[in-house]
Amino acid sequence: MASDTRNVFISHIHEDDSGLEKLKNLLESHGVTIRDYSISLDNPNNAHSESYIKTEPPFPR
């Protein structure tokens, strides 16, 4: 059986973080596993070079 894992990118501005939390909670209540790779002060984007940007993401496709 094929994997049911899907990767979804949700673009938002930080002012909408509370709405994002509501969406994540709704999805989790329906059995969806959330992997949050949001960029923040605690988890900065280290994309400083073209080679870094082109590397594989930190999660399976």
Protein backbone atom coordinates (compact mmCIF):
# COMPACT_ATOMS: atom_id res chain seq x y z
CA MET A 1 0.00 0.00 0.00
CA ALA A 2 1.30 3.46 -0.89
CA SER A 3 2.16 5.86 1.89
CA ASP A 4 -0.59 8.25 2.93
CA THR A 5 1.99 10.85 4.01
CA ARG A 6 1.57 14.21 2.37
CA ASN A 7 3.67 17.34 2.74
CA VAL A 8 1.74 20.61 2.77
CA PHE A 9 3.33 24.04 2.75
CA ILE A 10 1.27 26.73 4.48
CA SER A 11 2.44 30.25 3.79
CA HIS A 12 1.44 32.81 6.40
CA ILE A 13 2.65 35.89 8.21
CA HIS A 14 3.51 35.78 11.89
CA GLU A 15 0.48 37.91 12.74
CA ASP A 16 -1.61 34.84 11.73
CA ASP A 17 0.20 32.41 14.05
CA SER A 18 -2.90 31.92 16.21
CA GLY A 19 -4.91 30.94 13.12
CA LEU A 20 -2.18 28.50 12.15
CA GLU A 21 -2.38 26.92 15.59
CA LYS A 22 -6.15 26.53 15.17
CA LEU A 23 -5.63 24.86 11.78
CA LYS A 24 -3.00 22.50 13.18
CA ASN A 25 -5.28 21.60 16.10
CA LEU A 26 -8.17 20.94 13.72
CA LEU A 27 -6.04 18.70 11.52
CA GLU A 28 -4.67 16.82 14.53
CA SER A 29 -8.22 16.26 15.81
CA HIS A 30 -8.87 14.43 12.54
CA GLY A 31 -5.83 12.19 12.92
CA VAL A 32 -3.39 14.18 10.80
CA THR A 33 0.22 14.15 12.03
CA ILE A 34 1.76 17.63 12.00
CA ARG A 35 5.46 18.29 11.34
CA ASP A 36 6.03 21.99 11.76
CA TYR A 37 9.18 23.35 10.07
CA SER A 38 8.26 26.99 10.61
CA ILE A 39 11.01 29.57 10.45
CA SER A 40 11.26 31.63 13.64
CA LEU A 41 13.86 33.23 15.87
CA ASP A 42 14.31 29.82 17.53
CA ASN A 43 14.52 28.04 14.17
CA PRO A 44 16.07 30.49 11.67
CA ASN A 45 16.39 29.99 7.94
CA ASN A 46 20.07 29.32 7.27
CA ALA A 47 19.80 29.76 3.52
CA HIS A 48 22.89 31.85 2.88
CA SER A 49 24.18 30.11 -0.21
CA GLU A 50 22.77 28.64 -3.39
CA SER A 51 24.15 25.17 -2.54
CA TYR A 52 22.36 25.20 0.86
CA ILE A 53 19.05 26.17 -0.72
CA LYS A 54 19.31 23.34 -3.26
CA THR A 55 19.97 20.61 -0.69
CA GLU A 56 17.34 18.06 0.22
CA PRO A 57 14.75 19.08 2.83
CA PRO A 58 15.06 17.69 6.38
CA PHE A 59 12.05 15.39 5.87
CA PRO A 60 11.21 12.55 3.49
CA ARG A 61 9.30 13.39 0.34
